[in-house]
Amino acid sequence: MGSSRLDNPPVVTTAMLIRKPVAEVFRAFTDPAVTTRFWFTESTGPVAAGAELRWTWGMYGVSADVRVKEFEQDSRFVAEWRNGPTPTTFEMRFTARSEATTLVELVETGFGGDDADEVVAWAIGSMGGFTEAIAAAKALLEHGVVLTLVADRHPDGVPGAE
């Protein structure tokens, strides 16, 4: 049984310090040659101004269409995607804390739907997924370790995926 619509939709936020220069960290999240080592398994291209991409998680048999709305090299990008019932927008910011450290921050907004419980569950799942992706990037960039956090998140398959 679904509950009422939310008056204040959730906003997903997560952040983590990665001990690498900002250009290297930014590249990890925009260049599929790097990103496919820790997040999704395929991309139709790099994150760039105006790009329309398809990201695929082959281990789950799911894909998401991603449209880059804003792009500032080595600083931030904003993208819209549909990884749930309605499109959401996420912004990733990359802030140099020193020459050798970068703070990665993520904010996702736009969660909606008629069932408040489903919307909240979707936002919580999205926050977990983004946190795992950033942590996996940290392990790869700082230590050269591929943790397979995203690949191992749902060993029995993504709930609700067709």
N, C-alpha and C. Protein backbone atom coordinates (compact mmCIF):
# COMPACT_ATOMS: atom_id res chain seq x y z
N MET A 1 0.85 -1.16 0.00
CA MET A 1 0.00 0.00 0.00
C MET A 1 0.89 1.23 0.00
N GLY A 2 0.70 2.11 -0.98
CA GLY A 2 1.51 3.31 -1.10
C GLY A 2 1.00 4.42 -0.19
N SER A 3 1.90 5.29 0.17
CA SER A 3 1.52 6.43 1.01
C SER A 3 1.42 7.67 0.14
N SER A 4 1.06 8.78 0.75
CA SER A 4 0.83 10.02 0.01
C SER A 4 2.11 10.58 -0.60
N ARG A 5 1.92 11.52 -1.49
CA ARG A 5 3.02 12.22 -2.15
C ARG A 5 3.79 13.05 -1.11
N LEU A 6 5.08 13.18 -1.29
CA LEU A 6 5.92 13.96 -0.38
C LEU A 6 5.77 15.46 -0.61
N ASP A 7 5.65 16.22 0.46
CA ASP A 7 5.64 17.68 0.34
C ASP A 7 7.05 18.21 0.09
N ASN A 8 8.05 17.56 0.66
CA ASN A 8 9.45 17.95 0.51
C ASN A 8 10.24 16.75 0.01
N PRO A 9 10.40 16.63 -1.31
CA PRO A 9 11.13 15.48 -1.85
C PRO A 9 12.55 15.41 -1.30
N PRO A 10 13.09 14.21 -1.16
CA PRO A 10 14.45 14.08 -0.65
C PRO A 10 15.49 14.67 -1.60
N VAL A 11 16.60 15.07 -1.01
CA VAL A 11 17.78 15.53 -1.75
C VAL A 11 18.92 14.63 -1.31
N VAL A 12 19.57 14.02 -2.27
CA VAL A 12 20.70 13.13 -1.97
C VAL A 12 21.98 13.95 -1.94
N THR A 13 22.77 13.77 -0.91
CA THR A 13 24.09 14.41 -0.83
C THR A 13 25.09 13.40 -0.31
N THR A 14 26.28 13.45 -0.86
CA THR A 14 27.38 12.66 -0.36
C THR A 14 28.67 13.35 -0.78
N ALA A 15 29.74 13.07 -0.08
CA ALA A 15 31.03 13.70 -0.40
C ALA A 15 32.16 12.84 0.15
N MET A 16 33.33 12.98 -0.45
CA MET A 16 34.50 12.25 0.03
C MET A 16 35.76 12.94 -0.49
N LEU A 17 36.78 12.94 0.34
CA LEU A 17 38.09 13.46 -0.05
C LEU A 17 38.87 12.36 -0.77
N ILE A 18 39.42 12.70 -1.92
CA ILE A 18 40.28 11.77 -2.65
C ILE A 18 41.66 12.41 -2.74
N ARG A 19 42.66 11.68 -2.32
CA ARG A 19 44.02 12.20 -2.25
C ARG A 19 44.75 12.09 -3.59
N LYS A 20 44.23 12.85 -4.54
CA LYS A 20 44.82 12.99 -5.87
C LYS A 20 44.49 14.39 -6.38
N PRO A 21 45.25 14.91 -7.33
CA PRO A 21 44.98 16.24 -7.89
C PRO A 21 43.62 16.30 -8.57
N VAL A 22 43.03 17.49 -8.56
CA VAL A 22 41.68 17.67 -9.08
C VAL A 22 41.54 17.22 -10.53
N ALA A 23 42.49 17.49 -11.38
CA ALA A 23 42.38 17.09 -12.79
C ALA A 23 42.28 15.58 -12.94
N GLU A 24 43.04 14.85 -12.13
CA GLU A 24 43.02 13.38 -12.18
C GLU A 24 41.68 12.83 -11.67
N VAL A 25 41.15 13.42 -10.62
CA VAL A 25 39.88 12.96 -10.07
C VAL A 25 38.73 13.30 -11.03
N PHE A 26 38.74 14.50 -11.57
CA PHE A 26 37.71 14.90 -12.54
C PHE A 26 37.72 13.94 -13.73
N ARG A 27 38.89 13.64 -14.24
CA ARG A 27 39.02 12.73 -15.39
C ARG A 27 38.43 11.36 -15.05
N ALA A 28 38.63 10.89 -13.82
CA ALA A 28 38.12 9.58 -13.44
C ALA A 28 36.60 9.49 -13.60
N PHE A 29 35.90 10.61 -13.38
CA PHE A 29 34.45 10.60 -13.47
C PHE A 29 33.92 11.04 -14.82
N THR A 30 34.78 11.46 -15.72
CA THR A 30 34.33 11.93 -17.03
C THR A 30 34.86 11.11 -18.20
N ASP A 31 35.92 10.37 -18.00
CA ASP A 31 36.53 9.56 -19.05
C ASP A 31 36.14 8.10 -18.85
N PRO A 32 35.33 7.54 -19.74
CA PRO A 32 34.88 6.16 -19.55
C PRO A 32 36.01 5.14 -19.45
N ALA A 33 37.19 5.45 -19.98
CA ALA A 33 38.31 4.51 -19.85
C ALA A 33 38.67 4.30 -18.38
N VAL A 34 38.41 5.30 -17.54
CA VAL A 34 38.66 5.19 -16.10
C VAL A 34 37.38 4.81 -15.38
N THR A 35 36.28 5.50 -15.68
CA THR A 35 35.03 5.31 -14.95
C THR A 35 34.55 3.86 -15.02
N THR A 36 34.75 3.20 -16.15
CA THR A 36 34.29 1.82 -16.29
C THR A 36 35.06 0.85 -15.40
N ARG A 37 36.11 1.31 -14.80
CA ARG A 37 36.86 0.45 -13.87
C ARG A 37 36.25 0.44 -12.47
N PHE A 38 35.35 1.43 -12.18
CA PHE A 38 34.82 1.46 -10.82
C PHE A 38 33.31 1.73 -10.73
N TRP A 39 32.64 2.15 -11.83
CA TRP A 39 31.23 2.52 -11.69
C TRP A 39 30.36 1.75 -12.67
N PHE A 40 30.19 2.25 -13.89
CA PHE A 40 29.41 1.55 -14.90
C PHE A 40 30.36 0.79 -15.80
N THR A 41 29.83 -0.15 -16.59
CA THR A 41 30.70 -1.00 -17.42
C THR A 41 30.87 -0.48 -18.84
N GLU A 42 29.94 0.36 -19.30
CA GLU A 42 30.03 0.90 -20.66
C GLU A 42 29.46 2.31 -20.69
N SER A 43 30.00 3.12 -21.60
CA SER A 43 29.46 4.46 -21.86
C SER A 43 29.60 4.74 -23.34
N THR A 44 28.64 5.46 -23.88
CA THR A 44 28.71 5.81 -25.30
C THR A 44 29.68 6.96 -25.57
N GLY A 45 30.28 7.52 -24.52
CA GLY A 45 31.25 8.59 -24.72
C GLY A 45 31.62 9.23 -23.40
N PRO A 46 32.49 10.23 -23.46
CA PRO A 46 32.91 10.93 -22.24
C PRO A 46 31.86 11.95 -21.78
N VAL A 47 31.89 12.27 -20.50
CA VAL A 47 31.09 13.37 -19.98
C VAL A 47 31.72 14.65 -20.52
N ALA A 48 30.93 15.43 -21.24
CA ALA A 48 31.41 16.67 -21.86
C ALA A 48 30.21 17.59 -22.05
N ALA A 49 30.47 18.84 -22.32
CA ALA A 49 29.40 19.81 -22.50
C ALA A 49 28.41 19.32 -23.56
N GLY A 50 27.13 19.26 -23.18
CA GLY A 50 26.07 18.90 -24.11
C GLY A 50 25.98 17.43 -24.48
N ALA A 51 26.81 16.59 -23.90
CA ALA A 51 26.83 15.17 -24.27
C ALA A 51 25.52 14.48 -23.89
N GLU A 52 25.08 13.59 -24.76
CA GLU A 52 23.96 12.70 -24.48
C GLU A 52 24.53 11.30 -24.50
N LEU A 53 24.51 10.65 -23.35
CA LEU A 53 25.22 9.40 -23.15
C LEU A 53 24.28 8.28 -22.73
N ARG A 54 24.75 7.08 -22.88
CA ARG A 54 24.07 5.91 -22.32
C ARG A 54 25.11 5.18 -21.48
N TRP A 55 24.82 5.09 -20.18
CA TRP A 55 25.68 4.34 -19.26
C TRP A 55 25.03 2.99 -19.01
N THR A 56 25.83 1.94 -19.08
CA THR A 56 25.34 0.57 -18.90
C THR A 56 26.09 -0.11 -17.77
N TRP A 57 25.33 -0.80 -16.94
CA TRP A 57 25.87 -1.67 -15.90
C TRP A 57 25.61 -3.09 -16.40
N GLY A 58 26.59 -3.63 -17.13
CA GLY A 58 26.42 -4.93 -17.77
C GLY A 58 26.13 -6.06 -16.80
N MET A 59 26.70 -5.97 -15.61
CA MET A 59 26.49 -7.04 -14.63
C MET A 59 25.04 -7.13 -14.19
N TYR A 60 24.27 -6.06 -14.39
CA TYR A 60 22.86 -6.04 -14.00
C TYR A 60 21.91 -6.00 -15.20
N GLY A 61 22.45 -5.78 -16.40
CA GLY A 61 21.60 -5.69 -17.57
C GLY A 61 20.73 -4.44 -17.57
N VAL A 62 21.24 -3.34 -17.00
CA VAL A 62 20.49 -2.09 -16.98
C VAL A 62 21.33 -0.96 -17.56
N SER A 63 20.62 0.04 -18.10
CA SER A 63 21.27 1.21 -18.66
C SER A 63 20.50 2.45 -18.25
N ALA A 64 21.16 3.60 -18.32
CA ALA A 64 20.53 4.88 -18.05
C ALA A 64 20.99 5.89 -19.09
N ASP A 65 20.04 6.66 -19.60
CA ASP A 65 20.38 7.75 -20.51
C ASP A 65 20.76 8.96 -19.67
N VAL A 66 21.86 9.59 -20.03
CA VAL A 66 22.41 10.71 -19.27
C VAL A 66 22.59 11.89 -20.21
N ARG A 67 22.10 13.05 -19.80
CA ARG A 67 22.27 14.27 -20.60
C ARG A 67 23.03 15.28 -19.77
N VAL A 68 24.20 15.70 -20.27
CA VAL A 68 25.03 16.66 -19.55
C VAL A 68 24.48 18.06 -19.81
N LYS A 69 24.06 18.71 -18.73
CA LYS A 69 23.43 20.03 -18.84
C LYS A 69 24.42 21.17 -18.63
N GLU A 70 25.41 20.97 -17.78
CA GLU A 70 26.45 21.97 -17.51
C GLU A 70 27.77 21.24 -17.35
N PHE A 71 28.85 21.92 -17.75
CA PHE A 71 30.17 21.28 -17.70
C PHE A 71 31.24 22.35 -17.52
N GLU A 72 32.01 22.22 -16.47
CA GLU A 72 33.16 23.10 -16.22
C GLU A 72 34.37 22.21 -15.97
N GLN A 73 35.30 22.22 -16.91
CA GLN A 73 36.47 21.34 -16.84
C GLN A 73 37.15 21.41 -15.48
N ASP A 74 37.44 20.25 -14.91
CA ASP A 74 38.16 20.10 -13.64
C ASP A 74 37.45 20.75 -12.46
N SER A 75 36.16 21.06 -12.61
CA SER A 75 35.43 21.74 -11.54
C SER A 75 34.09 21.09 -11.20
N ARG A 76 33.24 20.91 -12.23
CA ARG A 76 31.91 20.37 -11.95
C ARG A 76 31.22 19.97 -13.24
N PHE A 77 30.21 19.13 -13.08
CA PHE A 77 29.27 18.89 -14.17
C PHE A 77 27.90 18.59 -13.57
N VAL A 78 26.88 18.91 -14.35
CA VAL A 78 25.49 18.68 -13.96
C VAL A 78 24.88 17.82 -15.05
N ALA A 79 24.20 16.76 -14.65
CA ALA A 79 23.59 15.86 -15.63
C ALA A 79 22.19 15.46 -15.18
N GLU A 80 21.38 15.16 -16.16
CA GLU A 80 20.04 14.63 -15.90
C GLU A 80 20.03 13.19 -16.35
N TRP A 81 19.40 12.33 -15.55
CA TRP A 81 19.27 10.93 -15.93
C TRP A 81 18.00 10.37 -15.35
N ARG A 82 17.67 9.20 -15.83
CA ARG A 82 16.49 8.51 -15.32
C ARG A 82 16.96 7.17 -14.79
N ASN A 83 17.13 7.11 -13.47
CA ASN A 83 17.52 5.85 -12.83
C ASN A 83 16.41 5.38 -11.90
N GLY A 84 15.22 5.94 -12.07
CA GLY A 84 14.05 5.60 -11.28
C GLY A 84 12.81 6.02 -12.03
N PRO A 85 11.70 6.20 -11.32
CA PRO A 85 10.43 6.51 -11.99
C PRO A 85 10.40 7.84 -12.74
N THR A 86 11.16 8.83 -12.30
CA THR A 86 11.18 10.13 -12.96
C THR A 86 12.63 10.57 -13.14
N PRO A 87 12.90 11.46 -14.09
CA PRO A 87 14.27 11.95 -14.24
C PRO A 87 14.71 12.74 -13.00
N THR A 88 15.98 12.63 -12.67
CA THR A 88 16.57 13.44 -11.61
C THR A 88 17.79 14.14 -12.19
N THR A 89 18.26 15.13 -11.46
CA THR A 89 19.45 15.88 -11.85
C THR A 89 20.49 15.69 -10.77
N PHE A 90 21.72 15.40 -11.19
CA PHE A 90 22.80 15.33 -10.21
C PHE A 90 23.94 16.25 -10.62
N GLU A 91 24.57 16.83 -9.61
CA GLU A 91 25.72 17.69 -9.81
C GLU A 91 26.90 17.09 -9.07
N MET A 92 28.01 16.98 -9.76
CA MET A 92 29.25 16.55 -9.12
C MET A 92 30.21 17.73 -9.14
N ARG A 93 30.73 18.06 -7.96
CA ARG A 93 31.70 19.15 -7.81
C ARG A 93 33.04 18.56 -7.39
N PHE A 94 34.10 19.14 -7.92
CA PHE A 94 35.46 18.70 -7.64
C PHE A 94 36.24 19.92 -7.18
N THR A 95 36.59 19.94 -5.90
CA THR A 95 37.25 21.11 -5.32
C THR A 95 38.63 20.72 -4.84
N ALA A 96 39.65 21.39 -5.39
CA ALA A 96 41.02 21.13 -4.94
C ALA A 96 41.16 21.65 -3.51
N ARG A 97 41.61 20.78 -2.62
CA ARG A 97 41.87 21.18 -1.24
C ARG A 97 43.35 21.48 -1.04
N SER A 98 44.15 20.92 -1.92
CA SER A 98 45.59 21.18 -2.00
C SER A 98 45.99 20.73 -3.39
N GLU A 99 47.27 20.78 -3.70
CA GLU A 99 47.70 20.31 -5.02
C GLU A 99 47.47 18.81 -5.18
N ALA A 100 47.35 18.10 -4.07
CA ALA A 100 47.27 16.64 -4.13
C ALA A 100 45.98 16.07 -3.53
N THR A 101 45.00 16.90 -3.22
CA THR A 101 43.74 16.39 -2.67
C THR A 101 42.55 17.09 -3.31
N THR A 102 41.47 16.32 -3.47
CA THR A 102 40.25 16.83 -4.10
C THR A 102 39.05 16.38 -3.29
N LEU A 103 38.15 17.30 -3.02
CA LEU A 103 36.88 16.95 -2.41
C LEU A 103 35.86 16.74 -3.53
N VAL A 104 35.26 15.55 -3.55
CA VAL A 104 34.21 15.23 -4.52
C VAL A 104 32.89 15.33 -3.77
N GLU A 105 32.00 16.18 -4.30
CA GLU A 105 30.68 16.35 -3.69
C GLU A 105 29.60 16.04 -4.72
N LEU A 106 28.55 15.40 -4.28
CA LEU A 106 27.44 15.02 -5.15
C LEU A 106 26.13 15.49 -4.52
N VAL A 107 25.27 16.09 -5.33
CA VAL A 107 23.91 16.45 -4.93
C VAL A 107 22.98 15.98 -6.03
N GLU A 108 21.95 15.22 -5.67
CA GLU A 108 20.95 14.76 -6.64
C GLU A 108 19.58 15.25 -6.18
N THR A 109 18.83 15.82 -7.11
CA THR A 109 17.50 16.37 -6.81
C THR A 109 16.50 15.90 -7.87
N GLY A 110 15.23 16.13 -7.58
CA GLY A 110 14.18 15.84 -8.55
C GLY A 110 13.44 14.55 -8.31
N PHE A 111 13.65 13.93 -7.15
CA PHE A 111 12.95 12.69 -6.85
C PHE A 111 11.46 12.96 -6.75
N GLY A 112 10.66 12.16 -7.45
CA GLY A 112 9.22 12.37 -7.43
C GLY A 112 8.46 11.09 -7.68
N GLY A 113 7.18 11.19 -7.50
CA GLY A 113 6.30 10.04 -7.70
C GLY A 113 5.12 10.13 -6.76
N ASP A 114 4.18 9.23 -6.95
CA ASP A 114 2.96 9.25 -6.17
C ASP A 114 3.06 8.49 -4.85
N ASP A 115 4.06 7.64 -4.71
CA ASP A 115 4.18 6.83 -3.51
C ASP A 115 5.40 7.30 -2.72
N ALA A 116 5.15 7.96 -1.60
CA ALA A 116 6.23 8.55 -0.79
C ALA A 116 7.24 7.51 -0.35
N ASP A 117 6.76 6.32 0.04
CA ASP A 117 7.69 5.28 0.49
C ASP A 117 8.64 4.87 -0.62
N GLU A 118 8.12 4.73 -1.85
CA GLU A 118 8.97 4.37 -2.99
C GLU A 118 9.97 5.47 -3.31
N VAL A 119 9.54 6.73 -3.23
CA VAL A 119 10.44 7.85 -3.52
C VAL A 119 11.58 7.88 -2.51
N VAL A 120 11.27 7.71 -1.24
CA VAL A 120 12.31 7.72 -0.21
C VAL A 120 13.26 6.54 -0.41
N ALA A 121 12.74 5.36 -0.68
CA ALA A 121 13.59 4.19 -0.92
C ALA A 121 14.50 4.41 -2.12
N TRP A 122 13.99 5.01 -3.18
CA TRP A 122 14.76 5.30 -4.37
C TRP A 122 15.89 6.27 -4.05
N ALA A 123 15.60 7.34 -3.30
CA ALA A 123 16.63 8.31 -2.94
C ALA A 123 17.71 7.68 -2.06
N ILE A 124 17.30 6.87 -1.11
CA ILE A 124 18.29 6.21 -0.24
C ILE A 124 19.17 5.28 -1.07
N GLY A 125 18.58 4.54 -1.98
CA GLY A 125 19.36 3.66 -2.85
C GLY A 125 20.32 4.44 -3.73
N SER A 126 19.87 5.57 -4.24
CA SER A 126 20.73 6.40 -5.08
C SER A 126 21.90 6.95 -4.28
N MET A 127 21.64 7.39 -3.05
CA MET A 127 22.72 7.89 -2.21
C MET A 127 23.75 6.79 -1.95
N GLY A 128 23.27 5.59 -1.68
CA GLY A 128 24.20 4.47 -1.48
C GLY A 128 25.02 4.20 -2.73
N GLY A 129 24.38 4.23 -3.88
CA GLY A 129 25.10 3.96 -5.13
C GLY A 129 26.15 5.01 -5.43
N PHE A 130 25.81 6.29 -5.26
CA PHE A 130 26.80 7.35 -5.49
C PHE A 130 27.93 7.27 -4.48
N THR A 131 27.61 6.99 -3.24
CA THR A 131 28.66 6.87 -2.20
C THR A 131 29.60 5.73 -2.54
N GLU A 132 29.05 4.60 -2.96
CA GLU A 132 29.89 3.47 -3.34
C GLU A 132 30.76 3.80 -4.55
N ALA A 133 30.20 4.49 -5.54
CA ALA A 133 30.99 4.85 -6.72
C ALA A 133 32.14 5.77 -6.36
N ILE A 134 31.89 6.76 -5.50
CA ILE A 134 32.97 7.67 -5.08
C ILE A 134 34.02 6.93 -4.26
N ALA A 135 33.58 6.04 -3.37
CA ALA A 135 34.53 5.25 -2.58
C ALA A 135 35.36 4.33 -3.47
N ALA A 136 34.72 3.75 -4.48
CA ALA A 136 35.46 2.88 -5.41
C ALA A 136 36.47 3.69 -6.21
N ALA A 137 36.11 4.91 -6.60
CA ALA A 137 37.05 5.79 -7.30
C ALA A 137 38.23 6.12 -6.39
N LYS A 138 37.97 6.38 -5.13
CA LYS A 138 39.03 6.68 -4.16
C LYS A 138 40.02 5.50 -4.08
N ALA A 139 39.50 4.29 -3.96
CA ALA A 139 40.37 3.11 -3.87
C ALA A 139 41.22 2.96 -5.13
N LEU A 140 40.59 3.17 -6.29
CA LEU A 140 41.32 3.03 -7.55
C LEU A 140 42.39 4.11 -7.68
N LEU A 141 42.01 5.36 -7.45
CA LEU A 141 42.95 6.46 -7.67
C LEU A 141 44.06 6.51 -6.62
N GLU A 142 43.73 6.26 -5.37
CA GLU A 142 44.74 6.37 -4.31
C GLU A 142 45.61 5.12 -4.19
N HIS A 143 45.02 3.95 -4.47
CA HIS A 143 45.74 2.69 -4.18
C HIS A 143 45.82 1.73 -5.36
N GLY A 144 45.21 2.08 -6.49
CA GLY A 144 45.24 1.20 -7.65
C GLY A 144 44.43 -0.07 -7.47
N VAL A 145 43.47 -0.05 -6.55
CA VAL A 145 42.67 -1.23 -6.24
C VAL A 145 41.28 -1.09 -6.84
N VAL A 146 40.83 -2.11 -7.55
CA VAL A 146 39.47 -2.17 -8.08
C VAL A 146 38.65 -2.94 -7.06
N LEU A 147 37.80 -2.23 -6.31
CA LEU A 147 37.05 -2.86 -5.22
C LEU A 147 35.79 -3.59 -5.67
N THR A 148 35.27 -3.35 -6.85
CA THR A 148 34.03 -3.92 -7.35
C THR A 148 32.84 -3.67 -6.42
N LEU A 149 32.84 -2.52 -5.76
CA LEU A 149 31.72 -2.17 -4.87
C LEU A 149 30.40 -2.11 -5.62
N VAL A 150 30.39 -1.44 -6.77
CA VAL A 150 29.15 -1.30 -7.53
C VAL A 150 28.73 -2.66 -8.08
N ALA A 151 29.66 -3.41 -8.62
CA ALA A 151 29.33 -4.73 -9.18
C ALA A 151 28.82 -5.69 -8.12
N ASP A 152 29.30 -5.57 -6.90
CA ASP A 152 28.91 -6.50 -5.84
C ASP A 152 27.74 -6.01 -4.99
N ARG A 153 27.22 -4.84 -5.29
CA ARG A 153 26.14 -4.27 -4.47
C ARG A 153 24.89 -5.13 -4.46
N HIS A 154 24.53 -5.68 -5.61
CA HIS A 154 23.31 -6.50 -5.72
C HIS A 154 23.68 -7.87 -6.30
N PRO A 155 24.20 -8.78 -5.47
CA PRO A 155 24.65 -10.07 -6.01
C PRO A 155 23.53 -10.90 -6.63
N ASP A 156 22.28 -10.61 -6.29
CA ASP A 156 21.15 -11.35 -6.86
C ASP A 156 20.43 -10.56 -7.93
N GLY A 157 21.02 -9.46 -8.39
CA GLY A 157 20.42 -8.61 -9.41
C GLY A 157 19.74 -7.40 -8.82
N VAL A 158 19.59 -6.37 -9.62
CA VAL A 158 18.99 -5.11 -9.15
C VAL A 158 17.50 -5.33 -8.92
N PRO A 159 17.02 -5.02 -7.72
CA PRO A 159 15.59 -5.15 -7.46
C PRO A 159 14.78 -4.28 -8.42
N GLY A 160 13.76 -4.85 -9.04
CA GLY A 160 12.90 -4.09 -9.94
C GLY A 160 13.41 -3.97 -11.36
N ALA A 161 14.65 -4.43 -11.63
CA ALA A 161 15.17 -4.36 -13.01
C ALA A 161 14.54 -5.46 -13.84
N GLU A 162 14.27 -5.11 -15.11
CA GLU A 162 13.65 -6.11 -15.98
C GLU A 162 14.67 -6.85 -16.76
